Amino acid sequence: MGFFRKELIDPALDAQTRREIEEQQAAIAADPSNPRPYYNLALLYRMQWKKDEALGLLLEAVRLDPAFVPAHVALAEIYVVCGDMAAARRHAEQASALGDQRARGMLSRYSEE
């Protein structure tokens, strides 16, 4: 499996990810007030371990729409990884207040730490 993964699968996934990134960048350029492509692009960057880029895009998404729950949840997850539990709790609380069940579970976990 090693050969197929390294020689065939990884390059195909990288090419697909690059296409997806370009699509989301184009969507942002076409409608910079829509938080969804910022969120989508942040998830793609997060998969590539580009935490700072992802964080900036997610913060822009919630600036554009403070009620955009998926971005609050993703921010809470990133802040936990970064060790910023106060920021993680803040975004989990916002998502929970907006009715997201996952955020309620996250909030209980973050409150224990």
N, C-alpha and C. Protein backbone atom coordinates (compact mmCIF):
# COMPACT_ATOMS: atom_id res chain seq x y z
N MET A 1 0.82 -1.20 0.00
CA MET A 1 0.00 0.00 0.00
C MET A 1 0.86 1.26 0.00
N GLY A 2 2.08 1.18 0.55
CA GLY A 2 2.94 2.35 0.64
C GLY A 2 3.20 3.00 -0.70
N PHE A 3 3.53 2.19 -1.71
CA PHE A 3 3.82 2.73 -3.04
C PHE A 3 2.60 3.44 -3.60
N PHE A 4 1.45 2.78 -3.55
CA PHE A 4 0.24 3.37 -4.13
C PHE A 4 -0.14 4.66 -3.41
N ARG A 5 0.03 4.66 -2.11
CA ARG A 5 -0.31 5.87 -1.35
C ARG A 5 0.61 7.02 -1.74
N LYS A 6 1.92 6.75 -1.74
CA LYS A 6 2.89 7.82 -2.00
C LYS A 6 2.88 8.27 -3.45
N GLU A 7 2.76 7.34 -4.37
CA GLU A 7 2.91 7.65 -5.79
C GLU A 7 1.59 8.00 -6.48
N LEU A 8 0.48 7.50 -5.98
CA LEU A 8 -0.79 7.71 -6.68
C LEU A 8 -1.82 8.48 -5.87
N ILE A 9 -2.04 8.06 -4.65
CA ILE A 9 -3.14 8.62 -3.87
C ILE A 9 -2.81 10.02 -3.36
N ASP A 10 -1.65 10.20 -2.72
CA ASP A 10 -1.31 11.51 -2.16
C ASP A 10 -1.29 12.62 -3.21
N PRO A 11 -0.66 12.41 -4.38
CA PRO A 11 -0.69 13.49 -5.39
C PRO A 11 -2.11 13.81 -5.87
N ALA A 12 -2.95 12.79 -5.99
CA ALA A 12 -4.33 13.03 -6.42
C ALA A 12 -5.08 13.83 -5.36
N LEU A 13 -4.88 13.50 -4.10
CA LEU A 13 -5.53 14.24 -3.02
C LEU A 13 -5.02 15.68 -2.96
N ASP A 14 -3.72 15.85 -3.14
CA ASP A 14 -3.14 17.21 -3.14
C ASP A 14 -3.72 18.04 -4.27
N ALA A 15 -3.85 17.46 -5.45
CA ALA A 15 -4.40 18.18 -6.60
C ALA A 15 -5.86 18.55 -6.34
N GLN A 16 -6.62 17.63 -5.78
CA GLN A 16 -8.03 17.89 -5.47
C GLN A 16 -8.14 19.01 -4.42
N THR A 17 -7.30 18.96 -3.41
CA THR A 17 -7.32 20.00 -2.38
C THR A 17 -6.97 21.36 -2.98
N ARG A 18 -5.98 21.41 -3.86
CA ARG A 18 -5.63 22.67 -4.52
C ARG A 18 -6.82 23.22 -5.31
N ARG A 19 -7.53 22.34 -6.02
CA ARG A 19 -8.71 22.78 -6.78
C ARG A 19 -9.78 23.33 -5.84
N GLU A 20 -10.00 22.63 -4.74
CA GLU A 20 -11.01 23.07 -3.76
C GLU A 20 -10.62 24.43 -3.17
N ILE A 21 -9.34 24.61 -2.87
CA ILE A 21 -8.87 25.89 -2.33
C ILE A 21 -9.12 27.00 -3.34
N GLU A 22 -8.79 26.76 -4.59
CA GLU A 22 -9.02 27.76 -5.64
C GLU A 22 -10.50 28.09 -5.78
N GLU A 23 -11.36 27.08 -5.68
CA GLU A 23 -12.81 27.32 -5.76
C GLU A 23 -13.29 28.21 -4.62
N GLN A 24 -12.81 27.94 -3.42
CA GLN A 24 -13.24 28.74 -2.27
C GLN A 24 -12.69 30.16 -2.35
N GLN A 25 -11.46 30.31 -2.83
CA GLN A 25 -10.90 31.65 -3.02
C GLN A 25 -11.72 32.43 -4.04
N ALA A 26 -12.13 31.76 -5.11
CA ALA A 26 -12.97 32.41 -6.12
C ALA A 26 -14.33 32.79 -5.53
N ALA A 27 -14.88 31.93 -4.69
CA ALA A 27 -16.17 32.22 -4.06
C ALA A 27 -16.06 33.43 -3.13
N ILE A 28 -14.95 33.55 -2.43
CA ILE A 28 -14.73 34.72 -1.57
C ILE A 28 -14.62 35.98 -2.42
N ALA A 29 -13.89 35.89 -3.53
CA ALA A 29 -13.74 37.05 -4.41
C ALA A 29 -15.09 37.46 -5.01
N ALA A 30 -15.93 36.48 -5.32
CA ALA A 30 -17.23 36.76 -5.93
C ALA A 30 -18.22 37.35 -4.93
N ASP A 31 -18.15 36.92 -3.67
CA ASP A 31 -19.08 37.40 -2.65
C ASP A 31 -18.36 37.48 -1.31
N PRO A 32 -17.59 38.53 -1.09
CA PRO A 32 -16.79 38.62 0.13
C PRO A 32 -17.60 38.77 1.42
N SER A 33 -18.90 38.95 1.31
CA SER A 33 -19.72 39.08 2.52
C SER A 33 -20.35 37.76 2.96
N ASN A 34 -20.09 36.69 2.22
CA ASN A 34 -20.64 35.37 2.54
C ASN A 34 -19.64 34.61 3.44
N PRO A 35 -20.03 34.24 4.65
CA PRO A 35 -19.09 33.57 5.55
C PRO A 35 -18.77 32.12 5.16
N ARG A 36 -19.64 31.47 4.40
CA ARG A 36 -19.47 30.05 4.10
C ARG A 36 -18.14 29.73 3.40
N PRO A 37 -17.74 30.44 2.32
CA PRO A 37 -16.46 30.08 1.69
C PRO A 37 -15.25 30.34 2.59
N TYR A 38 -15.33 31.31 3.49
CA TYR A 38 -14.24 31.52 4.45
C TYR A 38 -14.11 30.28 5.34
N TYR A 39 -15.26 29.80 5.79
CA TYR A 39 -15.28 28.59 6.63
C TYR A 39 -14.75 27.39 5.85
N ASN A 40 -15.24 27.20 4.63
CA ASN A 40 -14.79 26.06 3.82
C ASN A 40 -13.29 26.11 3.58
N LEU A 41 -12.78 27.29 3.25
CA LEU A 41 -11.35 27.45 3.01
C LEU A 41 -10.56 27.19 4.29
N ALA A 42 -11.08 27.63 5.41
CA ALA A 42 -10.42 27.38 6.70
C ALA A 42 -10.30 25.89 6.97
N LEU A 43 -11.34 25.13 6.66
CA LEU A 43 -11.28 23.68 6.87
C LEU A 43 -10.22 23.04 5.98
N LEU A 44 -10.12 23.51 4.75
CA LEU A 44 -9.09 22.99 3.85
C LEU A 44 -7.69 23.31 4.38
N TYR A 45 -7.50 24.52 4.85
CA TYR A 45 -6.20 24.89 5.41
C TYR A 45 -5.90 24.11 6.68
N ARG A 46 -6.92 23.87 7.47
CA ARG A 46 -6.72 23.10 8.70
C ARG A 46 -6.25 21.69 8.39
N MET A 47 -6.78 21.12 7.31
CA MET A 47 -6.34 19.78 6.89
C MET A 47 -4.87 19.79 6.49
N GLN A 48 -4.37 20.93 6.06
CA GLN A 48 -2.97 21.07 5.66
C GLN A 48 -2.10 21.57 6.80
N TRP A 49 -2.63 21.60 8.00
CA TRP A 49 -1.92 22.05 9.20
C TRP A 49 -1.54 23.53 9.12
N LYS A 50 -2.32 24.32 8.39
CA LYS A 50 -2.10 25.77 8.30
C LYS A 50 -3.04 26.45 9.30
N LYS A 51 -2.70 26.28 10.57
CA LYS A 51 -3.56 26.74 11.66
C LYS A 51 -3.80 28.24 11.63
N ASP A 52 -2.75 29.02 11.44
CA ASP A 52 -2.91 30.48 11.48
C ASP A 52 -3.82 30.98 10.37
N GLU A 53 -3.65 30.43 9.17
CA GLU A 53 -4.51 30.82 8.05
C GLU A 53 -5.96 30.44 8.33
N ALA A 54 -6.15 29.22 8.85
CA ALA A 54 -7.50 28.75 9.17
C ALA A 54 -8.14 29.64 10.24
N LEU A 55 -7.37 29.97 11.25
CA LEU A 55 -7.88 30.80 12.34
C LEU A 55 -8.34 32.16 11.81
N GLY A 56 -7.54 32.78 10.97
CA GLY A 56 -7.91 34.08 10.42
C GLY A 56 -9.18 34.03 9.59
N LEU A 57 -9.32 32.98 8.80
CA LEU A 57 -10.52 32.83 7.97
C LEU A 57 -11.77 32.59 8.82
N LEU A 58 -11.63 31.79 9.86
CA LEU A 58 -12.77 31.52 10.74
C LEU A 58 -13.18 32.78 11.51
N LEU A 59 -12.21 33.54 11.94
CA LEU A 59 -12.53 34.80 12.62
C LEU A 59 -13.24 35.76 11.67
N GLU A 60 -12.82 35.77 10.42
CA GLU A 60 -13.51 36.61 9.43
C GLU A 60 -14.94 36.12 9.21
N ALA A 61 -15.13 34.81 9.18
CA ALA A 61 -16.48 34.25 9.00
C ALA A 61 -17.42 34.71 10.12
N VAL A 62 -16.95 34.66 11.38
CA VAL A 62 -17.83 35.08 12.47
C VAL A 62 -17.95 36.60 12.55
N ARG A 63 -16.97 37.33 12.02
CA ARG A 63 -17.11 38.78 11.94
C ARG A 63 -18.22 39.13 10.95
N LEU A 64 -18.24 38.40 9.83
CA LEU A 64 -19.27 38.64 8.81
C LEU A 64 -20.65 38.23 9.29
N ASP A 65 -20.70 37.12 10.04
CA ASP A 65 -21.99 36.62 10.54
C ASP A 65 -21.77 36.04 11.93
N PRO A 66 -22.00 36.82 12.98
CA PRO A 66 -21.78 36.34 14.34
C PRO A 66 -22.62 35.12 14.71
N ALA A 67 -23.66 34.82 13.94
CA ALA A 67 -24.52 33.66 14.21
C ALA A 67 -24.13 32.45 13.37
N PHE A 68 -22.98 32.49 12.72
CA PHE A 68 -22.54 31.38 11.86
C PHE A 68 -21.90 30.30 12.75
N VAL A 69 -22.73 29.38 13.20
CA VAL A 69 -22.36 28.38 14.20
C VAL A 69 -21.18 27.50 13.77
N PRO A 70 -21.12 26.98 12.53
CA PRO A 70 -20.00 26.10 12.19
C PRO A 70 -18.63 26.74 12.42
N ALA A 71 -18.53 28.04 12.17
CA ALA A 71 -17.24 28.72 12.39
C ALA A 71 -16.92 28.81 13.88
N HIS A 72 -17.93 29.05 14.72
CA HIS A 72 -17.69 29.08 16.17
C HIS A 72 -17.22 27.72 16.66
N VAL A 73 -17.84 26.65 16.17
CA VAL A 73 -17.43 25.30 16.58
C VAL A 73 -16.00 25.03 16.15
N ALA A 74 -15.67 25.35 14.90
CA ALA A 74 -14.30 25.13 14.40
C ALA A 74 -13.29 25.97 15.18
N LEU A 75 -13.66 27.20 15.51
CA LEU A 75 -12.76 28.04 16.31
C LEU A 75 -12.52 27.43 17.68
N ALA A 76 -13.57 26.93 18.31
CA ALA A 76 -13.41 26.29 19.61
C ALA A 76 -12.45 25.11 19.51
N GLU A 77 -12.58 24.31 18.46
CA GLU A 77 -11.69 23.16 18.28
C GLU A 77 -10.24 23.60 18.11
N ILE A 78 -10.02 24.61 17.28
CA ILE A 78 -8.65 25.08 17.05
C ILE A 78 -8.05 25.67 18.33
N TYR A 79 -8.84 26.45 19.04
CA TYR A 79 -8.32 27.06 20.27
C TYR A 79 -7.96 26.01 21.32
N VAL A 80 -8.70 24.90 21.37
CA VAL A 80 -8.34 23.82 22.29
C VAL A 80 -6.97 23.28 21.93
N VAL A 81 -6.75 23.02 20.65
CA VAL A 81 -5.46 22.50 20.19
C VAL A 81 -4.34 23.48 20.53
N CYS A 82 -4.63 24.77 20.43
CA CYS A 82 -3.63 25.81 20.74
C CYS A 82 -3.44 26.00 22.24
N GLY A 83 -4.33 25.42 23.03
CA GLY A 83 -4.24 25.57 24.48
C GLY A 83 -4.90 26.82 25.03
N ASP A 84 -5.65 27.52 24.21
CA ASP A 84 -6.35 28.74 24.65
C ASP A 84 -7.77 28.36 25.05
N MET A 85 -7.89 27.85 26.28
CA MET A 85 -9.18 27.34 26.73
C MET A 85 -10.22 28.44 26.90
N ALA A 86 -9.79 29.64 27.25
CA ALA A 86 -10.75 30.74 27.40
C ALA A 86 -11.41 31.06 26.06
N ALA A 87 -10.61 31.13 25.01
CA ALA A 87 -11.17 31.40 23.67
C ALA A 87 -12.02 30.23 23.21
N ALA A 88 -11.58 29.01 23.51
CA ALA A 88 -12.36 27.82 23.13
C ALA A 88 -13.73 27.86 23.80
N ARG A 89 -13.75 28.16 25.10
CA ARG A 89 -15.02 28.24 25.82
C ARG A 89 -15.91 29.35 25.26
N ARG A 90 -15.30 30.49 24.95
CA ARG A 90 -16.07 31.62 24.42
C ARG A 90 -16.80 31.23 23.14
N HIS A 91 -16.10 30.57 22.22
CA HIS A 91 -16.74 30.20 20.96
C HIS A 91 -17.71 29.03 21.14
N ALA A 92 -17.39 28.10 22.03
CA ALA A 92 -18.33 27.01 22.32
C ALA A 92 -19.61 27.57 22.94
N GLU A 93 -19.46 28.56 23.82
CA GLU A 93 -20.64 29.19 24.44
C GLU A 93 -21.49 29.90 23.39
N GLN A 94 -20.84 30.58 22.45
CA GLN A 94 -21.61 31.26 21.40
C GLN A 94 -22.36 30.25 20.54
N ALA A 95 -21.69 29.17 20.17
CA ALA A 95 -22.35 28.16 19.35
C ALA A 95 -23.49 27.50 20.13
N SER A 96 -23.25 27.23 21.41
CA SER A 96 -24.27 26.62 22.25
C SER A 96 -25.48 27.54 22.39
N ALA A 97 -25.23 28.83 22.59
CA ALA A 97 -26.32 29.80 22.72
C ALA A 97 -27.15 29.88 21.44
N LEU A 98 -26.52 29.54 20.32
CA LEU A 98 -27.22 29.54 19.04
C LEU A 98 -27.88 28.19 18.75
N GLY A 99 -27.82 27.26 19.73
CA GLY A 99 -28.55 26.01 19.62
C GLY A 99 -27.78 24.81 19.13
N ASP A 100 -26.47 24.91 19.00
CA ASP A 100 -25.70 23.78 18.49
C ASP A 100 -25.44 22.75 19.59
N GLN A 101 -25.90 21.53 19.38
CA GLN A 101 -25.76 20.47 20.38
C GLN A 101 -24.30 20.05 20.58
N ARG A 102 -23.52 19.99 19.50
CA ARG A 102 -22.11 19.62 19.63
C ARG A 102 -21.39 20.60 20.54
N ALA A 103 -21.72 21.86 20.39
CA ALA A 103 -21.06 22.89 21.20
C ALA A 103 -21.39 22.71 22.67
N ARG A 104 -22.59 22.26 22.96
CA ARG A 104 -22.95 22.02 24.37
C ARG A 104 -22.05 20.95 24.96
N GLY A 105 -21.80 19.88 24.19
CA GLY A 105 -20.89 18.84 24.65
C GLY A 105 -19.47 19.35 24.79
N MET A 106 -19.05 20.14 23.82
CA MET A 106 -17.71 20.73 23.88
C MET A 106 -17.59 21.61 25.11
N LEU A 107 -18.61 22.37 25.37
CA LEU A 107 -18.59 23.31 26.49
C LEU A 107 -18.42 22.56 27.81
N SER A 108 -19.10 21.45 27.95
CA SER A 108 -18.96 20.69 29.20
C SER A 108 -17.55 20.13 29.33
N ARG A 109 -16.96 19.70 28.22
CA ARG A 109 -15.58 19.19 28.27
C ARG A 109 -14.60 20.32 28.59
N TYR A 110 -14.77 21.48 27.99
CA TYR A 110 -13.84 22.58 28.18
C TYR A 110 -13.96 23.18 29.57
N SER A 111 -15.14 23.08 30.16
CA SER A 111 -15.34 23.61 31.51
C SER A 111 -14.60 22.78 32.54
N GLU A 112 -14.37 21.51 32.22
CA GLU A 112 -13.67 20.62 33.15
C GLU A 112 -12.18 20.88 33.17
N GLU A 113 -11.65 21.46 32.11
CA GLU A 113 -10.19 21.63 32.00
C GLU A 113 -9.73 22.93 32.61
